[in-house]
Amino acid sequence: MSGCGSCSACGIGDKAREYKNDFGESAVRCPVCEREVTFDKLPENRKVKCAYCETVIEVIPLLLN
């Protein structure tokens, strides 16, 4: 993953909506591998990284859904 942004394979620009999972954790579903990515606190840049496929996901915060 070069991150050049010339195609969708690098995961640049992927967005997902935040939700609360069954354990009450903040989470998003990775748009590439469809695995759940959880986080304690949303970073200021609103981006989290999938631990499985390393896609950078821009989180649409729960309050904006």
Protein backbone atom coordinates (compact mmCIF):
# COMPACT_ATOMS: atom_id res chain seq x y z
CA MET A 1 0.00 0.00 0.00
CA SER A 2 1.76 3.04 -1.25
CA GLY A 3 -0.93 5.54 -0.33
CA CYS A 4 -0.59 7.43 -3.61
CA GLY A 5 -4.36 7.82 -3.94
CA SER A 6 -4.40 6.88 -7.63
CA CYS A 7 -6.71 3.91 -7.08
CA SER A 8 -8.99 2.49 -4.41
CA ALA A 9 -6.61 -0.37 -3.57
CA CYS A 10 -4.54 1.69 -1.13
CA GLY A 11 -7.55 2.49 1.04
CA ILE A 12 -7.10 6.26 0.90
CA GLY A 13 -10.44 8.03 1.29
CA ASP A 14 -12.33 5.08 2.79
CA LYS A 15 -15.04 6.26 5.19
CA ALA A 16 -17.20 4.42 7.69
CA ARG A 17 -19.86 5.40 10.21
CA GLU A 18 -19.13 5.04 13.89
CA TYR A 19 -21.47 2.85 15.94
CA LYS A 20 -21.56 1.24 19.39
CA ASN A 21 -20.99 -2.52 19.31
CA ASP A 22 -22.59 -5.09 21.65
CA PHE A 23 -19.90 -4.37 24.27
CA GLY A 24 -20.58 -0.61 24.23
CA GLU A 25 -17.32 0.16 22.41
CA SER A 26 -17.02 2.74 19.66
CA ALA A 27 -16.43 0.93 16.38
CA VAL A 28 -16.48 1.12 12.59
CA ARG A 29 -16.69 -1.60 9.97
CA CYS A 30 -13.68 -1.65 7.63
CA PRO A 31 -14.94 -0.97 4.09
CA VAL A 32 -12.23 -3.21 2.60
CA CYS A 33 -12.12 -6.38 4.74
CA GLU A 34 -15.42 -5.78 6.63
CA ARG A 35 -13.85 -6.47 10.03
CA GLU A 36 -14.84 -4.44 13.06
CA VAL A 37 -12.32 -1.83 14.18
CA THR A 38 -12.80 -0.59 17.75
CA PHE A 39 -11.32 2.45 19.45
CA ASP A 40 -11.50 4.06 22.89
CA LYS A 41 -11.35 7.68 21.78
CA LEU A 42 -11.70 9.04 18.26
CA PRO A 43 -8.42 10.72 17.20
CA GLU A 44 -8.58 14.42 16.28
CA ASN A 45 -7.98 13.59 12.61
CA ARG A 46 -10.94 11.15 12.77
CA LYS A 47 -8.86 8.37 11.20
CA VAL A 48 -8.28 4.85 12.47
CA LYS A 49 -6.30 2.01 10.93
CA CYS A 50 -7.65 -1.49 10.42
CA ALA A 51 -5.36 -3.96 12.21
CA TYR A 52 -6.12 -6.68 9.65
CA CYS A 53 -5.70 -5.04 6.22
CA GLU A 54 -4.09 -1.73 7.31
CA THR A 55 -6.71 0.39 5.55
CA VAL A 56 -6.88 3.94 6.91
CA ILE A 57 -10.53 4.68 7.63
CA GLU A 58 -11.99 8.15 8.04
CA VAL A 59 -14.62 7.85 10.79
CA ILE A 60 -17.96 9.59 10.44
CA PRO A 61 -18.66 10.34 14.12
CA LEU A 62 -21.74 8.92 15.80
CA LEU A 63 -23.17 12.39 16.39
CA LEU A 64 -23.07 13.14 12.66
CA ASN A 65 -24.77 9.88 11.57
